[in-house]
Protein backbone atom coordinates (compact mmCIF):
# COMPACT_ATOMS: atom_id res chain seq x y z
CA GLN A 1 16.56 38.52 51.76
CA VAL A 2 16.69 40.78 48.74
CA GLN A 3 18.98 40.05 45.82
CA LEU A 4 19.92 43.01 43.65
CA VAL A 5 21.37 42.84 40.15
CA GLU A 6 22.61 45.91 38.31
CA SER A 7 22.78 46.20 34.55
CA GLY A 8 23.15 48.83 31.87
CA GLY A 9 26.74 49.89 32.37
CA GLY A 10 29.20 50.20 29.54
CA LEU A 11 31.79 52.29 27.73
CA VAL A 12 30.53 55.59 26.31
CA GLN A 13 31.95 58.89 25.18
CA ALA A 14 31.61 62.06 27.16
CA GLY A 15 28.20 63.64 26.68
CA ALA A 16 26.43 60.34 26.14
CA SER A 17 23.69 58.81 28.24
CA LEU A 18 23.23 55.49 29.99
CA ARG A 19 20.38 54.02 31.97
CA LEU A 20 21.30 51.69 34.79
CA SER A 21 18.79 49.20 36.14
CA CYS A 22 18.66 47.58 39.54
CA ALA A 23 16.42 44.52 39.49
CA ALA A 24 15.39 42.89 42.72
CA SER A 25 14.38 39.34 43.48
CA GLY A 26 13.47 37.50 46.63
CA ARG A 27 11.27 40.25 48.04
CA THR A 28 9.22 43.06 46.64
CA LEU A 29 11.03 46.39 46.63
CA SER A 30 7.86 48.33 47.37
CA THR A 31 8.76 48.88 51.04
CA TYR A 32 12.44 49.52 50.45
CA ALA A 33 14.39 52.69 49.87
CA VAL A 34 16.94 52.19 47.12
CA ALA A 35 20.15 54.06 46.46
CA TRP A 36 22.92 54.16 43.93
CA PHE A 37 26.55 54.44 44.98
CA ARG A 38 29.71 54.47 42.92
CA GLN A 39 33.35 53.72 43.48
CA ALA A 40 36.11 54.95 41.21
CA PRO A 41 39.56 53.34 41.19
CA GLY A 42 41.56 54.42 44.20
CA LYS A 43 38.65 56.28 45.73
CA GLU A 44 36.13 55.56 48.43
CA ARG A 45 32.60 54.55 47.59
CA GLU A 46 30.32 57.58 47.38
CA PHE A 47 26.60 58.20 47.44
CA VAL A 48 25.06 59.12 44.10
CA SER A 49 21.29 59.08 44.43
CA ALA A 50 18.43 57.59 46.41
CA ILE A 51 14.69 57.18 46.12
CA SER A 52 12.13 56.55 48.83
CA TRP A 53 9.88 53.51 48.88
CA SER A 54 7.02 55.51 47.39
CA GLY A 55 9.14 57.33 44.83
CA GLY A 56 7.95 60.52 46.42
CA ARG A 57 11.37 61.76 47.48
CA THR A 58 14.66 61.62 45.65
CA TYR A 59 18.16 62.65 46.62
CA TYR A 60 21.23 63.41 44.53
CA GLU A 61 24.87 64.10 45.13
CA ASP A 62 25.60 67.65 44.04
CA SER A 63 27.77 66.79 41.02
CA VAL A 64 25.02 64.70 39.40
CA LYS A 65 21.97 66.66 40.49
CA VAL A 66 21.01 68.12 37.11
CA ARG A 67 22.28 65.23 35.00
CA PHE A 68 21.02 62.07 36.68
CA THR A 69 17.46 60.96 37.37
CA ILE A 70 16.48 58.13 39.68
CA SER A 71 13.13 56.42 39.31
CA ARG A 72 11.41 53.22 40.27
CA ASP A 73 8.81 50.84 38.93
CA ASN A 74 7.57 48.81 41.85
CA ALA A 75 5.46 46.65 39.57
CA LYS A 76 8.67 45.54 37.87
CA ASN A 77 10.64 45.48 41.13
CA THR A 78 13.24 47.67 39.47
CA VAL A 79 14.94 50.98 40.12
CA TYR A 80 16.59 52.98 37.38
CA LEU A 81 19.30 55.60 37.16
CA LEU A 82 19.22 57.64 33.99
CA MET A 83 22.57 59.33 33.49
CA ASN A 84 22.78 62.14 30.96
CA SER A 85 25.71 64.31 29.87
CA LEU A 86 28.20 61.81 31.22
CA LYS A 87 31.67 63.04 32.09
CA PRO A 88 34.95 61.15 32.45
CA GLU A 89 34.78 61.77 36.19
CA ASP A 90 31.59 59.67 36.29
CA THR A 91 33.71 56.61 35.52
CA ALA A 92 33.22 54.11 38.32
CA VAL A 93 31.59 50.87 39.35
CA TYR A 94 27.97 51.68 40.18
CA TYR A 95 26.20 49.74 42.91
CA CYS A 96 22.58 49.72 43.90
CA ALA A 97 21.62 49.16 47.50
CA ALA A 98 18.36 48.75 49.38
CA THR A 99 17.05 48.98 52.88
CA ARG A 100 13.57 48.33 54.20
CA THR A 101 12.17 51.59 55.42
CA LEU A 102 9.12 53.76 55.00
CA LEU A 103 11.10 56.86 55.94
CA GLU A 104 11.15 59.52 53.27
CA TYR A 105 14.03 61.55 54.72
CA GLY A 106 17.69 60.98 55.39
CA LEU A 107 18.14 58.47 52.63
CA GLU A 108 21.51 59.90 51.61
CA THR A 109 23.04 58.97 54.94
CA MET A 110 21.06 55.86 55.73
CA ARG A 111 22.69 52.48 56.15
CA TYR A 112 21.76 50.13 53.33
CA ASP A 113 21.53 46.43 54.08
CA TYR A 114 21.45 44.81 50.64
CA TRP A 115 23.89 45.43 47.82
CA GLY A 116 24.32 44.36 44.25
CA GLN A 117 27.56 43.29 42.60
CA GLY A 118 27.97 46.48 40.60
CA THR A 119 28.12 47.49 36.97
CA GLN A 120 31.04 49.28 35.34
CA VAL A 121 30.52 52.67 33.74
CA THR A 122 33.42 54.06 31.74
CA VAL A 123 33.24 57.48 30.13
CA SER A 124 35.96 58.38 27.65
CA SER A 125 36.94 61.97 26.89
């Protein structure tokens, strides 16, 4: 079992930056793909970004592609999501999720088996 804990959310103004962290315990994340999803009030959960087990491939939803950067530090068992130029429409609960796979492709549509509890990101205009 992998336990995931997100942190780094908060209330910021439009244009600001935040870095979310997803820390894992229970198992090493080094053989897991990890993704970030978000869910805004009244909306379905949506894919934001994903990173392969090696860090060699990353995926982004189109609206965040030039603003967000996903990265991982397997030595720290942590995945990060750096969010720049935040917009009010980025307001949501952000969840990290993991699945054990050595695949480098298809991570944006993959089923993820382990989920964190989420961290709130609120961007004011």
